[in-house]
Amino acid sequence: MPPIARFVCGAAHLDEAEALKTFNMGLGMVLIVDPARAGEVEAALAEAGEATYRVGRIVAGEGAVRYANDGELYGYDAGAEA
């Protein structure tokens, strides 16, 4: 997470779940790609000088979002004074 996002979330006393719903948390552009073609897309982006990061996957669910590293986003107490 970029330092400015960490600062804004702390100053606004946003808990992790609310921050993730409100901001893109510094991801920038996100591409949703067929997993079978992900390597091909990553290679094309690398050739164009772009860095890539796999940030998640889409799975069938019950309408709720689950974060793989729930509770590890901030690394500090979001309720504390910024």
PDB file of N, CA and C in Angstrom:
ATOM      1  N   MET A   1       0.847  -1.168   0.000  1.00  0.00           N
ATOM      2  CA  MET A   1       0.000   0.000   0.000  1.00  0.00           C
ATOM      3  C   MET A   1       0.896   1.235   0.000  1.00  0.00           C
ATOM      4  N   PRO A   2       0.629   2.205  -0.867  1.00  0.00           N
ATOM      5  CA  PRO A   2       1.439   3.426  -0.894  1.00  0.00           C
ATOM      6  C   PRO A   2       1.347   4.182   0.434  1.00  0.00           C
ATOM      7  N   PRO A   3       2.412   4.842   0.856  1.00  0.00           N
ATOM      8  CA  PRO A   3       2.396   5.574   2.125  1.00  0.00           C
ATOM      9  C   PRO A   3       1.246   6.592   2.229  1.00  0.00           C
ATOM     10  N   ILE A   4       0.902   7.251   1.133  1.00  0.00           N
ATOM     11  CA  ILE A   4      -0.182   8.235   1.201  1.00  0.00           C
ATOM     12  C   ILE A   4      -1.516   7.562   1.511  1.00  0.00           C
ATOM     13  N   ALA A   5      -1.747   6.382   0.972  1.00  0.00           N
ATOM     14  CA  ALA A   5      -2.992   5.658   1.262  1.00  0.00           C
ATOM     15  C   ALA A   5      -3.029   5.253   2.726  1.00  0.00           C
ATOM     16  N   ARG A   6      -1.908   4.789   3.233  1.00  0.00           N
ATOM     17  CA  ARG A   6      -1.819   4.416   4.658  1.00  0.00           C
ATOM     18  C   ARG A   6      -2.128   5.633   5.533  1.00  0.00           C
ATOM     19  N   PHE A   7      -1.559   6.802   5.186  1.00  0.00           N
ATOM     20  CA  PHE A   7      -1.786   8.021   5.954  1.00  0.00           C
ATOM     21  C   PHE A   7      -3.255   8.432   5.922  1.00  0.00           C
ATOM     22  N   VAL A   8      -3.850   8.452   4.713  1.00  0.00           N
ATOM     23  CA  VAL A   8      -5.245   8.876   4.577  1.00  0.00           C
ATOM     24  C   VAL A   8      -6.171   7.953   5.360  1.00  0.00           C
ATOM     25  N   CYS A   9      -5.969   6.659   5.254  1.00  0.00           N
ATOM     26  CA  CYS A   9      -6.819   5.704   5.967  1.00  0.00           C
ATOM     27  C   CYS A   9      -6.679   5.868   7.476  1.00  0.00           C
ATOM     28  N   GLY A  10      -5.452   6.075   7.935  1.00  0.00           N
ATOM     29  CA  GLY A  10      -5.236   6.278   9.369  1.00  0.00           C
ATOM     30  C   GLY A  10      -5.852   7.575   9.854  1.00  0.00           C
ATOM     31  N   ALA A  11      -5.669   8.656   9.085  1.00  0.00           N
ATOM     32  CA  ALA A  11      -6.228   9.952   9.471  1.00  0.00           C
ATOM     33  C   ALA A  11      -7.754   9.924   9.493  1.00  0.00           C
ATOM     34  N   ALA A  12      -8.348   9.136   8.623  1.00  0.00           N
ATOM     35  CA  ALA A  12      -9.809   9.029   8.555  1.00  0.00           C
ATOM     36  C   ALA A  12     -10.347   7.951   9.497  1.00  0.00           C
ATOM     37  N   HIS A  13      -9.457   7.259  10.211  1.00  0.00           N
ATOM     38  CA  HIS A  13      -9.840   6.180  11.129  1.00  0.00           C
ATOM     39  C   HIS A  13     -10.655   5.107  10.414  1.00  0.00           C
ATOM     40  N   LEU A  14     -10.259   4.790   9.176  1.00  0.00           N
ATOM     41  CA  LEU A  14     -10.933   3.733   8.425  1.00  0.00           C
ATOM     42  C   LEU A  14     -10.361   2.388   8.829  1.00  0.00           C
ATOM     43  N   ASP A  15     -11.230   1.466   9.188  1.00  0.00           N
ATOM     44  CA  ASP A  15     -10.718   0.126   9.442  1.00  0.00           C
ATOM     45  C   ASP A  15     -10.383  -0.512   8.098  1.00  0.00           C
ATOM     46  N   GLU A  16      -9.680  -1.623   8.147  1.00  0.00           N
ATOM     47  CA  GLU A  16      -9.185  -2.256   6.930  1.00  0.00           C
ATOM     48  C   GLU A  16     -10.307  -2.588   5.948  1.00  0.00           C
ATOM     49  N   ALA A  17     -11.384  -3.163   6.434  1.00  0.00           N
ATOM     50  CA  ALA A  17     -12.486  -3.551   5.543  1.00  0.00           C
ATOM     51  C   ALA A  17     -13.077  -2.340   4.831  1.00  0.00           C
ATOM     52  N   GLU A  18     -13.256  -1.249   5.550  1.00  0.00           N
ATOM     53  CA  GLU A  18     -13.822  -0.042   4.940  1.00  0.00           C
ATOM     54  C   GLU A  18     -12.843   0.574   3.942  1.00  0.00           C
ATOM     55  N   ALA A  19     -11.565   0.569   4.266  1.00  0.00           N
ATOM     56  CA  ALA A  19     -10.555   1.109   3.355  1.00  0.00           C
ATOM     57  C   ALA A  19     -10.534   0.334   2.043  1.00  0.00           C
ATOM     58  N   LEU A  20     -10.608  -0.985   2.141  1.00  0.00           N
ATOM     59  CA  LEU A  20     -10.579  -1.810   0.940  1.00  0.00           C
ATOM     60  C   LEU A  20     -11.821  -1.604   0.080  1.00  0.00           C
ATOM     61  N   LYS A  21     -12.963  -1.330   0.699  1.00  0.00           N
ATOM     62  CA  LYS A  21     -14.183  -1.070  -0.066  1.00  0.00           C
ATOM     63  C   LYS A  21     -14.157   0.320  -0.693  1.00  0.00           C
ATOM     64  N   THR A  22     -13.463   1.267  -0.062  1.00  0.00           N
ATOM     65  CA  THR A  22     -13.500   2.665  -0.477  1.00  0.00           C
ATOM     66  C   THR A  22     -12.448   3.012  -1.529  1.00  0.00           C
ATOM     67  N   PHE A  23     -11.243   2.479  -1.371  1.00  0.00           N
ATOM     68  CA  PHE A  23     -10.126   2.846  -2.239  1.00  0.00           C
ATOM     69  C   PHE A  23      -9.628   1.638  -3.022  1.00  0.00           C
ATOM     70  N   ASN A  24      -8.919   1.902  -4.103  1.00  0.00           N
ATOM     71  CA  ASN A  24      -8.308   0.788  -4.831  1.00  0.00           C
ATOM     72  C   ASN A  24      -6.977   0.391  -4.215  1.00  0.00           C
ATOM     73  N   MET A  25      -6.565   1.054  -3.180  1.00  0.00           N
ATOM     74  CA  MET A  25      -5.365   0.767  -2.398  1.00  0.00           C
ATOM     75  C   MET A  25      -4.092   0.779  -3.236  1.00  0.00           C
ATOM     76  N   GLY A  26      -4.072   1.659  -4.208  1.00  0.00           N
ATOM     77  CA  GLY A  26      -2.860   1.873  -4.977  1.00  0.00           C
ATOM     78  C   GLY A  26      -2.620   0.887  -6.100  1.00  0.00           C
ATOM     79  N   LEU A  27      -3.607   0.112  -6.463  1.00  0.00           N
ATOM     80  CA  LEU A  27      -3.394  -0.875  -7.510  1.00  0.00           C
ATOM     81  C   LEU A  27      -3.271  -0.256  -8.887  1.00  0.00           C
ATOM     82  N   GLY A  28      -3.917   0.851  -9.141  1.00  0.00           N
ATOM     83  CA  GLY A  28      -3.878   1.424 -10.483  1.00  0.00           C
ATOM     84  C   GLY A  28      -4.772   0.636 -11.419  1.00  0.00           C
ATOM     85  N   MET A  29      -4.278   0.318 -12.600  1.00  0.00           N
ATOM     86  CA  MET A  29      -5.079  -0.428 -13.571  1.00  0.00           C
ATOM     87  C   MET A  29      -5.121  -1.905 -13.192  1.00  0.00           C
ATOM     88  N   VAL A  30      -6.302  -2.483 -13.295  1.00  0.00           N
ATOM     89  CA  VAL A  30      -6.471  -3.902 -13.016  1.00  0.00           C
ATOM     90  C   VAL A  30      -7.051  -4.566 -14.262  1.00  0.00           C
ATOM     91  N   LEU A  31      -6.432  -5.647 -14.692  1.00  0.00           N
ATOM     92  CA  LEU A  31      -6.940  -6.432 -15.818  1.00  0.00           C
ATOM     93  C   LEU A  31      -7.485  -7.749 -15.286  1.00  0.00           C
ATOM     94  N   ILE A  32      -8.634  -8.131 -15.768  1.00  0.00           N
ATOM     95  CA  ILE A  32      -9.194  -9.438 -15.440  1.00  0.00           C
ATOM     96  C   ILE A  32      -8.980 -10.307 -16.665  1.00  0.00           C
ATOM     97  N   VAL A  33      -8.218 -11.391 -16.475  1.00  0.00           N
ATOM     98  CA  VAL A  33      -7.740 -12.191 -17.595  1.00  0.00           C
ATOM     99  C   VAL A  33      -8.046 -13.664 -17.346  1.00  0.00           C
ATOM    100  N   ASP A  34      -8.396 -14.366 -18.398  1.00  0.00           N
ATOM    101  CA  ASP A  34      -8.574 -15.819 -18.324  1.00  0.00           C
ATOM    102  C   ASP A  34      -7.271 -16.417 -17.785  1.00  0.00           C
ATOM    103  N   PRO A  35      -7.327 -17.194 -16.705  1.00  0.00           N
ATOM    104  CA  PRO A  35      -6.099 -17.764 -16.137  1.00  0.00           C
ATOM    105  C   PRO A  35      -5.248 -18.523 -17.157  1.00  0.00           C
ATOM    106  N   ALA A  36      -5.869 -19.115 -18.156  1.00  0.00           N
ATOM    107  CA  ALA A  36      -5.122 -19.857 -19.174  1.00  0.00           C
ATOM    108  C   ALA A  36      -4.261 -18.932 -20.031  1.00  0.00           C
ATOM    109  N   ARG A  37      -4.585 -17.640 -20.044  1.00  0.00           N
ATOM    110  CA  ARG A  37      -3.826 -16.692 -20.874  1.00  0.00           C
ATOM    111  C   ARG A  37      -3.044 -15.684 -20.047  1.00  0.00           C
ATOM    112  N   ALA A  38      -3.056 -15.836 -18.724  1.00  0.00           N
ATOM    113  CA  ALA A  38      -2.402 -14.856 -17.851  1.00  0.00           C
ATOM    114  C   ALA A  38      -0.909 -14.716 -18.158  1.00  0.00           C
ATOM    115  N   GLY A  39      -0.220 -15.827 -18.370  1.00  0.00           N
ATOM    116  CA  GLY A  39       1.207 -15.762 -18.685  1.00  0.00           C
ATOM    117  C   GLY A  39       1.477 -15.010 -19.967  1.00  0.00           C
ATOM    118  N   GLU A  40       0.643 -15.231 -20.958  1.00  0.00           N
ATOM    119  CA  GLU A  40       0.771 -14.538 -22.245  1.00  0.00           C
ATOM    120  C   GLU A  40       0.584 -13.029 -22.069  1.00  0.00           C
ATOM    121  N   VAL A  41      -0.414 -12.648 -21.282  1.00  0.00           N
ATOM    122  CA  VAL A  41      -0.677 -11.223 -21.037  1.00  0.00           C
ATOM    123  C   VAL A  41       0.477 -10.606 -20.254  1.00  0.00           C
ATOM    124  N   GLU A  42       0.958 -11.313 -19.232  1.00  0.00           N
ATOM    125  CA  GLU A  42       2.089 -10.810 -18.451  1.00  0.00           C
ATOM    126  C   GLU A  42       3.329 -10.628 -19.328  1.00  0.00           C
ATOM    127  N   ALA A  43       3.580 -11.552 -20.225  1.00  0.00           N
ATOM    128  CA  ALA A  43       4.740 -11.453 -21.117  1.00  0.00           C
ATOM    129  C   ALA A  43       4.616 -10.245 -22.042  1.00  0.00           C
ATOM    130  N   ALA A  44       3.429 -10.027 -22.583  1.00  0.00           N
ATOM    131  CA  ALA A  44       3.219  -8.879 -23.474  1.00  0.00           C
ATOM    132  C   ALA A  44       3.407  -7.564 -22.714  1.00  0.00           C
ATOM    133  N   LEU A  45       2.915  -7.501 -21.500  1.00  0.00           N
ATOM    134  CA  LEU A  45       3.078  -6.280 -20.697  1.00  0.00           C
ATOM    135  C   LEU A  45       4.541  -6.066 -20.316  1.00  0.00           C
ATOM    136  N   ALA A  46       5.236  -7.145 -19.978  1.00  0.00           N
ATOM    137  CA  ALA A  46       6.663  -7.039 -19.642  1.00  0.00           C
ATOM    138  C   ALA A  46       7.447  -6.536 -20.844  1.00  0.00           C
ATOM    139  N   GLU A  47       7.113  -7.031 -22.031  1.00  0.00           N
ATOM    140  CA  GLU A  47       7.783  -6.581 -23.259  1.00  0.00           C
ATOM    141  C   GLU A  47       7.551  -5.090 -23.493  1.00  0.00           C
ATOM    142  N   ALA A  48       6.399  -4.595 -23.046  1.00  0.00           N
ATOM    143  CA  ALA A  48       6.076  -3.170 -23.182  1.00  0.00           C
ATOM    144  C   ALA A  48       6.639  -2.342 -22.025  1.00  0.00           C
ATOM    145  N   GLY A  49       7.372  -3.002 -21.096  1.00  0.00           N
ATOM    146  CA  GLY A  49       8.000  -2.275 -19.998  1.00  0.00           C
ATOM    147  C   GLY A  49       7.121  -2.101 -18.772  1.00  0.00           C
ATOM    148  N   GLU A  50       6.037  -2.853 -18.698  1.00  0.00           N
ATOM    149  CA  GLU A  50       5.119  -2.737 -17.562  1.00  0.00           C
ATOM    150  C   GLU A  50       5.358  -3.853 -16.555  1.00  0.00           C
ATOM    151  N   ALA A  51       5.342  -3.512 -15.274  1.00  0.00           N
ATOM    152  CA  ALA A  51       5.425  -4.506 -14.215  1.00  0.00           C
ATOM    153  C   ALA A  51       4.022  -5.065 -13.964  1.00  0.00           C
ATOM    154  N   THR A  52       3.943  -6.333 -13.653  1.00  0.00           N
ATOM    155  CA  THR A  52       2.644  -6.949 -13.373  1.00  0.00           C
ATOM    156  C   THR A  52       2.671  -7.647 -12.020  1.00  0.00           C
ATOM    157  N   TYR A  53       1.512  -7.733 -11.407  1.00  0.00           N
ATOM    158  CA  TYR A  53       1.343  -8.402 -10.123  1.00  0.00           C
ATOM    159  C   TYR A  53      -0.004  -9.109 -10.137  1.00  0.00           C
ATOM    160  N   ARG A  54      -0.025 -10.350  -9.776  1.00  0.00           N
ATOM    161  CA  ARG A  54      -1.301 -11.053  -9.643  1.00  0.00           C
ATOM    162  C   ARG A  54      -1.851 -10.723  -8.261  1.00  0.00           C
ATOM    163  N   VAL A  55      -3.033 -10.131  -8.240  1.00  0.00           N
ATOM    164  CA  VAL A  55      -3.581  -9.641  -6.969  1.00  0.00           C
ATOM    165  C   VAL A  55      -4.808 -10.395  -6.494  1.00  0.00           C
ATOM    166  N   GLY A  56      -5.295 -11.331  -7.262  1.00  0.00           N
ATOM    167  CA  GLY A  56      -6.461 -12.074  -6.805  1.00  0.00           C
ATOM    168  C   GLY A  56      -7.010 -12.968  -7.880  1.00  0.00           C
ATOM    169  N   ARG A  57      -8.141 -13.556  -7.575  1.00  0.00           N
ATOM    170  CA  ARG A  57      -8.821 -14.399  -8.541  1.00  0.00           C
ATOM    171  C   ARG A  57     -10.313 -14.296  -8.292  1.00  0.00           C
ATOM    172  N   ILE A  58     -11.068 -14.603  -9.301  1.00  0.00           N
ATOM    173  CA  ILE A  58     -12.520 -14.566  -9.208  1.00  0.00           C
ATOM    174  C   ILE A  58     -13.015 -15.994  -9.055  1.00  0.00           C
ATOM    175  N   VAL A  59     -13.815 -16.214  -8.043  1.00  0.00           N
ATOM    176  CA  VAL A  59     -14.366 -17.538  -7.790  1.00  0.00           C
ATOM    177  C   VAL A  59     -15.861 -17.410  -7.516  1.00  0.00           C
ATOM    178  N   ALA A  60     -16.590 -18.475  -7.755  1.00  0.00           N
ATOM    179  CA  ALA A  60     -18.015 -18.482  -7.432  1.00  0.00           C
ATOM    180  C   ALA A  60     -18.160 -18.320  -5.923  1.00  0.00           C
ATOM    181  N   GLY A  61     -19.150 -17.575  -5.522  1.00  0.00           N
ATOM    182  CA  GLY A  61     -19.325 -17.348  -4.093  1.00  0.00           C
ATOM    183  C   GLY A  61     -20.754 -17.024  -3.743  1.00  0.00           C
ATOM    184  N   GLU A  62     -20.900 -16.417  -2.585  1.00  0.00           N
ATOM    185  CA  GLU A  62     -22.217 -16.103  -2.050  1.00  0.00           C
ATOM    186  C   GLU A  62     -22.450 -14.602  -1.963  1.00  0.00           C
ATOM    187  N   GLY A  63     -21.752 -13.818  -2.771  1.00  0.00           N
ATOM    188  CA  GLY A  63     -21.962 -12.375  -2.782  1.00  0.00           C
ATOM    189  C   GLY A  63     -21.135 -11.603  -1.777  1.00  0.00           C
ATOM    190  N   ALA A  64     -20.185 -12.238  -1.122  1.00  0.00           N
ATOM    191  CA  ALA A  64     -19.324 -11.555  -0.160  1.00  0.00           C
ATOM    192  C   ALA A  64     -17.890 -11.596  -0.661  1.00  0.00           C
ATOM    193  N   VAL A  65     -17.132 -10.549  -0.339  1.00  0.00           N
ATOM    194  CA  VAL A  65     -15.722 -10.486  -0.719  1.00  0.00           C
ATOM    195  C   VAL A  65     -14.893 -10.967   0.454  1.00  0.00           C
ATOM    196  N   ARG A  66     -13.942 -11.857   0.181  1.00  0.00           N
ATOM    197  CA  ARG A  66     -13.000 -12.321   1.190  1.00  0.00           C
ATOM    198  C   ARG A  66     -11.605 -11.910   0.763  1.00  0.00           C
ATOM    199  N   TYR A  67     -10.840 -11.357   1.674  1.00  0.00           N
ATOM    200  CA  TYR A  67      -9.470 -10.967   1.382  1.00  0.00           C
ATOM    201  C   TYR A  67      -8.530 -12.036   1.927  1.00  0.00           C
ATOM    202  N   ALA A  68      -7.595 -12.469   1.096  1.00  0.00           N
ATOM    203  CA  ALA A  68      -6.684 -13.542   1.476  1.00  0.00           C
ATOM    204  C   ALA A  68      -5.853 -13.176   2.702  1.00  0.00           C
ATOM    205  N   ASN A  69      -5.410 -11.943   2.809  1.00  0.00           N
ATOM    206  CA  ASN A  69      -4.568 -11.508   3.929  1.00  0.00           C
ATOM    207  C   ASN A  69      -5.343 -10.597   4.862  1.00  0.00           C
ATOM    208  N   ASP A  70      -6.580 -10.953   5.146  1.00  0.00           N
ATOM    209  CA  ASP A  70      -7.446 -10.143   5.989  1.00  0.00           C
ATOM    210  C   ASP A  70      -6.759  -9.803   7.301  1.00  0.00           C
ATOM    211  N   GLY A  71      -6.741  -8.529   7.632  1.00  0.00           N
ATOM    212  CA  GLY A  71      -6.138  -8.080   8.879  1.00  0.00           C
ATOM    213  C   GLY A  71      -4.667  -7.739   8.780  1.00  0.00           C
ATOM    214  N   GLU A  72      -4.055  -7.891   7.608  1.00  0.00           N
ATOM    215  CA  GLU A  72      -2.614  -7.639   7.467  1.00  0.00           C
ATOM    216  C   GLU A  72      -2.311  -6.422   6.605  1.00  0.00           C
ATOM    217  N   LEU A  73      -3.332  -5.696   6.189  1.00  0.00           N
ATOM    218  CA  LEU A  73      -3.127  -4.582   5.269  1.00  0.00           C
ATOM    219  C   LEU A  73      -2.336  -3.446   5.889  1.00  0.00           C
ATOM    220  N   TYR A  74      -2.754  -2.986   7.044  1.00  0.00           N
ATOM    221  CA  TYR A  74      -2.171  -1.790   7.644  1.00  0.00           C
ATOM    222  C   TYR A  74      -0.816  -2.022   8.291  1.00  0.00           C
ATOM    223  N   GLY A  75      -0.709  -3.031   9.101  1.00  0.00           N
ATOM    224  CA  GLY A  75       0.510  -3.205   9.875  1.00  0.00           C
ATOM    225  C   GLY A  75       0.555  -2.248  11.052  1.00  0.00           C
ATOM    226  N   TYR A  76      -0.588  -1.601  11.366  1.00  0.00           N
ATOM    227  CA  TYR A  76      -0.697  -0.740  12.541  1.00  0.00           C
ATOM    228  C   TYR A  76      -2.174  -0.671  12.924  1.00  0.00           C
ATOM    229  N   ASP A  77      -2.466  -0.087  14.083  1.00  0.00           N
ATOM    230  CA  ASP A  77      -3.831   0.030  14.580  1.00  0.00           C
ATOM    231  C   ASP A  77      -4.518   1.181  13.865  1.00  0.00           C
ATOM    232  N   ALA A  78      -5.508   0.869  13.016  1.00  0.00           N
ATOM    233  CA  ALA A  78      -6.194   1.889  12.224  1.00  0.00           C
ATOM    234  C   ALA A  78      -6.967   2.858  13.085  1.00  0.00           C
ATOM    235  N   GLY A  79      -7.326   2.479  14.304  1.00  0.00           N
ATOM    236  CA  GLY A  79      -8.084   3.366  15.175  1.00  0.00           C
ATOM    237  C   GLY A  79      -7.219   4.356  15.919  1.00  0.00           C
ATOM    238  N   ALA A  80      -5.905   4.199  15.870  1.00  0.00           N
ATOM    239  CA  ALA A  80      -4.997   5.111  16.592  1.00  0.00           C
ATOM    240  C   ALA A  80      -4.902   6.432  15.837  1.00  0.00           C
ATOM    241  N   GLU A  81      -4.544   7.463  16.550  1.00  0.00           N
ATOM    242  CA  GLU A  81      -4.363   8.786  15.941  1.00  0.00           C
ATOM    243  C   GLU A  81      -3.262   8.737  14.897  1.00  0.00           C
ATOM    244  N   ALA A  82      -3.482   9.387  13.759  1.00  0.00           N
ATOM    245  CA  ALA A  82      -2.471   9.419  12.694  1.00  0.00           C
ATOM    246  C   ALA A  82      -1.455  10.493  12.983  1.00  0.00           C
TER     247      ALA A  82
END
